[in-house]
Amino acid sequence: MLNLSNLNLVVSTMELTIVLIVTAAVFLVFIVIAIIKMYKLKAENKRLLESDAFKTDVDESYKDFTESHLYDNK
């Protein structure tokens, strides 16, 4: 029968806890970075939508044809 206490593969509770805390900290850093980038992109999108590039200009070449002589507007 195998004696598990003699094997080097046995991990103590303290080592497992440390590994889990480090892993959780790394993922927490990734989540915080993702949230910061999301807010920056949201602000950039809002700024771009409010800029003149997305505002529609009225086409000045269009003329209202209903004011012509064919409709007898007096």
PDB file of N, CA and C in Angstrom:
ATOM      1  N   MET A   1       0.838  -1.178   0.000  1.00  0.00           N
ATOM      2  CA  MET A   1       0.000   0.000   0.000  1.00  0.00           C
ATOM      3  C   MET A   1       0.883   1.241   0.000  1.00  0.00           C
ATOM      4  N   LEU A   2       0.409   2.295  -0.687  1.00  0.00           N
ATOM      5  CA  LEU A   2       1.170   3.544  -0.768  1.00  0.00           C
ATOM      6  C   LEU A   2       1.017   4.362   0.496  1.00  0.00           C
ATOM      7  N   ASN A   3       2.107   4.865   0.954  1.00  0.00           N
ATOM      8  CA  ASN A   3       2.079   5.749   2.107  1.00  0.00           C
ATOM      9  C   ASN A   3       2.180   7.184   1.576  1.00  0.00           C
ATOM     10  N   LEU A   4       1.081   7.944   1.613  1.00  0.00           N
ATOM     11  CA  LEU A   4       1.026   9.284   1.023  1.00  0.00           C
ATOM     12  C   LEU A   4       1.897  10.292   1.758  1.00  0.00           C
ATOM     13  N   SER A   5       2.194  10.055   2.990  1.00  0.00           N
ATOM     14  CA  SER A   5       3.006  11.014   3.740  1.00  0.00           C
ATOM     15  C   SER A   5       4.458  11.016   3.263  1.00  0.00           C
ATOM     16  N   ASN A   6       4.909   9.941   2.629  1.00  0.00           N
ATOM     17  CA  ASN A   6       6.275   9.882   2.135  1.00  0.00           C
ATOM     18  C   ASN A   6       6.435  10.453   0.727  1.00  0.00           C
ATOM     19  N   LEU A   7       5.337  10.692   0.021  1.00  0.00           N
ATOM     20  CA  LEU A   7       5.419  11.216  -1.344  1.00  0.00           C
ATOM     21  C   LEU A   7       5.570  12.732  -1.332  1.00  0.00           C
ATOM     22  N   ASN A   8       6.284  13.239  -2.333  1.00  0.00           N
ATOM     23  CA  ASN A   8       6.465  14.695  -2.445  1.00  0.00           C
ATOM     24  C   ASN A   8       5.262  15.378  -3.084  1.00  0.00           C
ATOM     25  N   LEU A   9       4.277  14.627  -3.555  1.00  0.00           N
ATOM     26  CA  LEU A   9       3.117  15.191  -4.229  1.00  0.00           C
ATOM     27  C   LEU A   9       2.057  15.711  -3.265  1.00  0.00           C
ATOM     28  N   VAL A  10       2.208  15.431  -2.019  1.00  0.00           N
ATOM     29  CA  VAL A  10       1.240  15.868  -1.028  1.00  0.00           C
ATOM     30  C   VAL A  10       1.403  17.376  -0.821  1.00  0.00           C
ATOM     31  N   VAL A  11       0.281  18.093  -0.933  1.00  0.00           N
ATOM     32  CA  VAL A  11       0.292  19.544  -0.786  1.00  0.00           C
ATOM     33  C   VAL A  11      -0.383  19.890   0.533  1.00  0.00           C
ATOM     34  N   SER A  12       0.264  20.744   1.278  1.00  0.00           N
ATOM     35  CA  SER A  12      -0.326  21.131   2.561  1.00  0.00           C
ATOM     36  C   SER A  12      -1.448  22.142   2.329  1.00  0.00           C
ATOM     37  N   THR A  13      -2.245  22.297   3.331  1.00  0.00           N
ATOM     38  CA  THR A  13      -3.360  23.238   3.258  1.00  0.00           C
ATOM     39  C   THR A  13      -2.855  24.665   3.095  1.00  0.00           C
ATOM     40  N   MET A  14      -1.765  24.987   3.735  1.00  0.00           N
ATOM     41  CA  MET A  14      -1.199  26.333   3.645  1.00  0.00           C
ATOM     42  C   MET A  14      -0.710  26.621   2.225  1.00  0.00           C
ATOM     43  N   GLU A  15      -0.043  25.659   1.594  1.00  0.00           N
ATOM     44  CA  GLU A  15       0.441  25.864   0.223  1.00  0.00           C
ATOM     45  C   GLU A  15      -0.725  26.013  -0.745  1.00  0.00           C
ATOM     46  N   LEU A  16      -1.745  25.222  -0.574  1.00  0.00           N
ATOM     47  CA  LEU A  16      -2.920  25.298  -1.436  1.00  0.00           C
ATOM     48  C   LEU A  16      -3.626  26.637  -1.271  1.00  0.00           C
ATOM     49  N   THR A  17      -3.707  27.111  -0.059  1.00  0.00           N
ATOM     50  CA  THR A  17      -4.332  28.403   0.207  1.00  0.00           C
ATOM     51  C   THR A  17      -3.546  29.529  -0.453  1.00  0.00           C
ATOM     52  N   ILE A  18      -2.240  29.482  -0.358  1.00  0.00           N
ATOM     53  CA  ILE A  18      -1.399  30.513  -0.972  1.00  0.00           C
ATOM     54  C   ILE A  18      -1.572  30.509  -2.495  1.00  0.00           C
ATOM     55  N   VAL A  19      -1.578  29.332  -3.105  1.00  0.00           N
ATOM     56  CA  VAL A  19      -1.757  29.234  -4.559  1.00  0.00           C
ATOM     57  C   VAL A  19      -3.113  29.789  -4.967  1.00  0.00           C
ATOM     58  N   LEU A  20      -4.144  29.464  -4.229  1.00  0.00           N
ATOM     59  CA  LEU A  20      -5.480  29.970  -4.556  1.00  0.00           C
ATOM     60  C   LEU A  20      -5.583  31.476  -4.379  1.00  0.00           C
ATOM     61  N   ILE A  21      -4.940  32.017  -3.363  1.00  0.00           N
ATOM     62  CA  ILE A  21      -4.966  33.468  -3.140  1.00  0.00           C
ATOM     63  C   ILE A  21      -4.227  34.185  -4.261  1.00  0.00           C
ATOM     64  N   VAL A  22      -3.085  33.662  -4.660  1.00  0.00           N
ATOM     65  CA  VAL A  22      -2.326  34.277  -5.760  1.00  0.00           C
ATOM     66  C   VAL A  22      -3.129  34.216  -7.063  1.00  0.00           C
ATOM     67  N   THR A  23      -3.751  33.084  -7.332  1.00  0.00           N
ATOM     68  CA  THR A  23      -4.567  32.944  -8.538  1.00  0.00           C
ATOM     69  C   THR A  23      -5.742  33.924  -8.514  1.00  0.00           C
ATOM     70  N   ALA A  24      -6.403  34.032  -7.405  1.00  0.00           N
ATOM     71  CA  ALA A  24      -7.527  34.964  -7.273  1.00  0.00           C
ATOM     72  C   ALA A  24      -7.058  36.408  -7.451  1.00  0.00           C
ATOM     73  N   ALA A  25      -5.884  36.737  -6.925  1.00  0.00           N
ATOM     74  CA  ALA A  25      -5.360  38.094  -7.059  1.00  0.00           C
ATOM     75  C   ALA A  25      -5.056  38.423  -8.519  1.00  0.00           C
ATOM     76  N   VAL A  26      -4.493  37.460  -9.246  1.00  0.00           N
ATOM     77  CA  VAL A  26      -4.197  37.693 -10.669  1.00  0.00           C
ATOM     78  C   VAL A  26      -5.491  37.934 -11.439  1.00  0.00           C
ATOM     79  N   PHE A  27      -6.509  37.104 -11.213  1.00  0.00           N
ATOM     80  CA  PHE A  27      -7.777  37.302 -11.901  1.00  0.00           C
ATOM     81  C   PHE A  27      -8.455  38.600 -11.481  1.00  0.00           C
ATOM     82  N   LEU A  28      -8.301  38.996 -10.234  1.00  0.00           N
ATOM     83  CA  LEU A  28      -8.859  40.267  -9.773  1.00  0.00           C
ATOM     84  C   LEU A  28      -8.206  41.432 -10.499  1.00  0.00           C
ATOM     85  N   VAL A  29      -6.896  41.360 -10.706  1.00  0.00           N
ATOM     86  CA  VAL A  29      -6.192  42.403 -11.457  1.00  0.00           C
ATOM     87  C   VAL A  29      -6.722  42.468 -12.890  1.00  0.00           C
ATOM     88  N   PHE A  30      -6.923  41.309 -13.524  1.00  0.00           N
ATOM     89  CA  PHE A  30      -7.463  41.290 -14.885  1.00  0.00           C
ATOM     90  C   PHE A  30      -8.860  41.889 -14.949  1.00  0.00           C
ATOM     91  N   ILE A  31      -9.684  41.595 -13.955  1.00  0.00           N
ATOM     92  CA  ILE A  31     -11.046  42.137 -13.931  1.00  0.00           C
ATOM     93  C   ILE A  31     -11.019  43.650 -13.760  1.00  0.00           C
ATOM     94  N   VAL A  32     -10.164  44.146 -12.885  1.00  0.00           N
ATOM     95  CA  VAL A  32     -10.054  45.593 -12.674  1.00  0.00           C
ATOM     96  C   VAL A  32      -9.573  46.282 -13.945  1.00  0.00           C
ATOM     97  N   ILE A  33      -8.592  45.715 -14.625  1.00  0.00           N
ATOM     98  CA  ILE A  33      -8.103  46.291 -15.882  1.00  0.00           C
ATOM     99  C   ILE A  33      -9.221  46.314 -16.924  1.00  0.00           C
ATOM    100  N   ALA A  34     -10.001  45.247 -17.009  1.00  0.00           N
ATOM    101  CA  ALA A  34     -11.104  45.185 -17.971  1.00  0.00           C
ATOM    102  C   ALA A  34     -12.166  46.233 -17.666  1.00  0.00           C
ATOM    103  N   ILE A  35     -12.467  46.451 -16.391  1.00  0.00           N
ATOM    104  CA  ILE A  35     -13.463  47.450 -16.017  1.00  0.00           C
ATOM    105  C   ILE A  35     -12.969  48.848 -16.355  1.00  0.00           C
ATOM    106  N   ILE A  36     -11.699  49.124 -16.085  1.00  0.00           N
ATOM    107  CA  ILE A  36     -11.136  50.442 -16.405  1.00  0.00           C
ATOM    108  C   ILE A  36     -11.177  50.679 -17.911  1.00  0.00           C
ATOM    109  N   LYS A  37     -10.802  49.683 -18.697  1.00  0.00           N
ATOM    110  CA  LYS A  37     -10.837  49.826 -20.159  1.00  0.00           C
ATOM    111  C   LYS A  37     -12.268  50.018 -20.655  1.00  0.00           C
ATOM    112  N   MET A  38     -13.219  49.336 -20.031  1.00  0.00           N
ATOM    113  CA  MET A  38     -14.612  49.487 -20.436  1.00  0.00           C
ATOM    114  C   MET A  38     -15.079  50.921 -20.226  1.00  0.00           C
ATOM    115  N   TYR A  39     -14.759  51.512 -19.085  1.00  0.00           N
ATOM    116  CA  TYR A  39     -15.161  52.891 -18.825  1.00  0.00           C
ATOM    117  C   TYR A  39     -14.455  53.870 -19.757  1.00  0.00           C
ATOM    118  N   LYS A  40     -13.187  53.616 -20.076  1.00  0.00           N
ATOM    119  CA  LYS A  40     -12.471  54.487 -21.022  1.00  0.00           C
ATOM    120  C   LYS A  40     -13.091  54.403 -22.411  1.00  0.00           C
ATOM    121  N   LEU A  41     -13.432  53.194 -22.847  1.00  0.00           N
ATOM    122  CA  LEU A  41     -14.060  53.041 -24.160  1.00  0.00           C
ATOM    123  C   LEU A  41     -15.445  53.677 -24.191  1.00  0.00           C
ATOM    124  N   LYS A  42     -16.161  53.570 -23.093  1.00  0.00           N
ATOM    125  CA  LYS A  42     -17.489  54.181 -23.017  1.00  0.00           C
ATOM    126  C   LYS A  42     -17.386  55.701 -23.113  1.00  0.00           C
ATOM    127  N   ALA A  43     -16.403  56.274 -22.431  1.00  0.00           N
ATOM    128  CA  ALA A  43     -16.196  57.726 -22.486  1.00  0.00           C
ATOM    129  C   ALA A  43     -15.758  58.154 -23.882  1.00  0.00           C
ATOM    130  N   GLU A  44     -14.890  57.382 -24.509  1.00  0.00           N
ATOM    131  CA  GLU A  44     -14.442  57.702 -25.867  1.00  0.00           C
ATOM    132  C   GLU A  44     -15.601  57.605 -26.852  1.00  0.00           C
ATOM    133  N   ASN A  45     -16.437  56.607 -26.699  1.00  0.00           N
ATOM    134  CA  ASN A  45     -17.597  56.466 -27.572  1.00  0.00           C
ATOM    135  C   ASN A  45     -18.546  57.644 -27.409  1.00  0.00           C
ATOM    136  N   LYS A  46     -18.772  58.069 -26.185  1.00  0.00           N
ATOM    137  CA  LYS A  46     -19.647  59.222 -25.926  1.00  0.00           C
ATOM    138  C   LYS A  46     -19.062  60.484 -26.534  1.00  0.00           C
ATOM    139  N   ARG A  47     -17.750  60.652 -26.398  1.00  0.00           N
ATOM    140  CA  ARG A  47     -17.093  61.828 -26.956  1.00  0.00           C
ATOM    141  C   ARG A  47     -17.189  61.839 -28.483  1.00  0.00           C
ATOM    142  N   LEU A  48     -17.011  60.672 -29.099  1.00  0.00           N
ATOM    143  CA  LEU A  48     -17.090  60.600 -30.558  1.00  0.00           C
ATOM    144  C   LEU A  48     -18.508  60.833 -31.061  1.00  0.00           C
ATOM    145  N   LEU A  49     -19.493  60.331 -30.338  1.00  0.00           N
ATOM    146  CA  LEU A  49     -20.869  60.542 -30.761  1.00  0.00           C
ATOM    147  C   LEU A  49     -21.292  62.000 -30.634  1.00  0.00           C
ATOM    148  N   GLU A  50     -20.707  62.718 -29.699  1.00  0.00           N
ATOM    149  CA  GLU A  50     -21.047  64.127 -29.519  1.00  0.00           C
ATOM    150  C   GLU A  50     -20.249  65.048 -30.432  1.00  0.00           C
ATOM    151  N   SER A  51     -19.264  64.508 -31.106  1.00  0.00           N
ATOM    152  CA  SER A  51     -18.449  65.355 -31.984  1.00  0.00           C
ATOM    153  C   SER A  51     -19.214  65.649 -33.265  1.00  0.00           C
ATOM    154  N   ASP A  52     -18.673  66.555 -34.063  1.00  0.00           N
ATOM    155  CA  ASP A  52     -19.321  66.971 -35.300  1.00  0.00           C
ATOM    156  C   ASP A  52     -19.300  65.897 -36.376  1.00  0.00           C
ATOM    157  N   ALA A  53     -18.480  64.906 -36.248  1.00  0.00           N
ATOM    158  CA  ALA A  53     -18.351  63.888 -37.290  1.00  0.00           C
ATOM    159  C   ALA A  53     -19.642  63.084 -37.453  1.00  0.00           C
ATOM    160  N   PHE A  54     -20.410  62.903 -36.385  1.00  0.00           N
ATOM    161  CA  PHE A  54     -21.613  62.093 -36.471  1.00  0.00           C
ATOM    162  C   PHE A  54     -22.882  62.920 -36.585  1.00  0.00           C
ATOM    163  N   LYS A  55     -22.772  64.222 -36.531  1.00  0.00           N
ATOM    164  CA  LYS A  55     -23.960  65.053 -36.653  1.00  0.00           C
ATOM    165  C   LYS A  55     -24.324  65.177 -38.124  1.00  0.00           C
ATOM    166  N   THR A  56     -25.579  65.007 -38.393  1.00  0.00           N
ATOM    167  CA  THR A  56     -26.026  65.063 -39.783  1.00  0.00           C
ATOM    168  C   THR A  56     -26.199  66.514 -40.201  1.00  0.00           C
ATOM    169  N   ASP A  57     -25.652  66.820 -41.341  1.00  0.00           N
ATOM    170  CA  ASP A  57     -25.813  68.156 -41.905  1.00  0.00           C
ATOM    171  C   ASP A  57     -27.012  68.156 -42.843  1.00  0.00           C
ATOM    172  N   VAL A  58     -27.703  69.270 -42.845  1.00  0.00           N
ATOM    173  CA  VAL A  58     -28.842  69.402 -43.740  1.00  0.00           C
ATOM    174  C   VAL A  58     -28.308  69.634 -45.141  1.00  0.00           C
ATOM    175  N   ASP A  59     -28.834  68.899 -46.076  1.00  0.00           N
ATOM    176  CA  ASP A  59     -28.404  69.028 -47.458  1.00  0.00           C
ATOM    177  C   ASP A  59     -28.997  70.315 -48.026  1.00  0.00           C
ATOM    178  N   GLU A  60     -28.143  71.272 -48.296  1.00  0.00           N
ATOM    179  CA  GLU A  60     -28.590  72.576 -48.784  1.00  0.00           C
ATOM    180  C   GLU A  60     -28.987  72.530 -50.254  1.00  0.00           C
ATOM    181  N   SER A  61     -28.601  71.498 -50.959  1.00  0.00           N
ATOM    182  CA  SER A  61     -28.935  71.430 -52.383  1.00  0.00           C
ATOM    183  C   SER A  61     -30.402  71.057 -52.592  1.00  0.00           C
ATOM    184  N   TYR A  62     -31.045  70.516 -51.589  1.00  0.00           N
ATOM    185  CA  TYR A  62     -32.445  70.149 -51.712  1.00  0.00           C
ATOM    186  C   TYR A  62     -33.316  71.390 -51.630  1.00  0.00           C
ATOM    187  N   LYS A  63     -34.261  71.494 -52.550  1.00  0.00           N
ATOM    188  CA  LYS A  63     -35.213  72.604 -52.518  1.00  0.00           C
ATOM    189  C   LYS A  63     -36.619  72.033 -52.434  1.00  0.00           C
ATOM    190  N   ASP A  64     -37.435  72.705 -51.701  1.00  0.00           N
ATOM    191  CA  ASP A  64     -38.808  72.262 -51.539  1.00  0.00           C
ATOM    192  C   ASP A  64     -39.564  72.529 -52.836  1.00  0.00           C
ATOM    193  N   PHE A  65     -39.902  71.457 -53.543  1.00  0.00           N
ATOM    194  CA  PHE A  65     -40.549  71.612 -54.843  1.00  0.00           C
ATOM    195  C   PHE A  65     -42.037  71.919 -54.732  1.00  0.00           C
ATOM    196  N   THR A  66     -42.603  71.834 -53.540  1.00  0.00           N
ATOM    197  CA  THR A  66     -44.036  72.115 -53.397  1.00  0.00           C
ATOM    198  C   THR A  66     -44.331  73.600 -53.506  1.00  0.00           C
ATOM    199  N   GLU A  67     -43.327  74.439 -53.483  1.00  0.00           N
ATOM    200  CA  GLU A  67     -43.523  75.883 -53.592  1.00  0.00           C
ATOM    201  C   GLU A  67     -43.486  76.357 -55.041  1.00  0.00           C
ATOM    202  N   SER A  68     -43.467  75.439 -55.966  1.00  0.00           N
ATOM    203  CA  SER A  68     -43.372  75.851 -57.369  1.00  0.00           C
ATOM    204  C   SER A  68     -44.729  76.262 -57.917  1.00  0.00           C
ATOM    205  N   HIS A  69     -44.736  76.714 -59.140  1.00  0.00           N
ATOM    206  CA  HIS A  69     -45.953  77.241 -59.755  1.00  0.00           C
ATOM    207  C   HIS A  69     -46.979  76.152 -60.068  1.00  0.00           C
ATOM    208  N   LEU A  70     -46.588  74.873 -60.014  1.00  0.00           N
ATOM    209  CA  LEU A  70     -47.524  73.802 -60.346  1.00  0.00           C
ATOM    210  C   LEU A  70     -48.595  73.602 -59.260  1.00  0.00           C
ATOM    211  N   TYR A  71     -48.344  74.078 -58.077  1.00  0.00           N
ATOM    212  CA  TYR A  71     -49.280  73.852 -56.979  1.00  0.00           C
ATOM    213  C   TYR A  71     -50.106  75.079 -56.635  1.00  0.00           C
ATOM    214  N   ASP A  72     -49.891  76.159 -57.322  1.00  0.00           N
ATOM    215  CA  ASP A  72     -50.648  77.392 -57.102  1.00  0.00           C
ATOM    216  C   ASP A  72     -50.646  77.838 -55.646  1.00  0.00           C
ATOM    217  N   ASN A  73     -49.508  77.892 -55.050  1.00  0.00           N
ATOM    218  CA  ASN A  73     -49.404  78.394 -53.654  1.00  0.00           C
ATOM    219  C   ASN A  73     -49.293  79.907 -53.713  1.00  0.00           C
ATOM    220  N   LYS A  74     -50.274  80.576 -53.136  1.00  0.00           N
ATOM    221  CA  LYS A  74     -50.270  82.049 -53.154  1.00  0.00           C
ATOM    222  C   LYS A  74     -50.381  82.584 -51.770  1.00  0.00           C
TER     223      LYS A  74
END
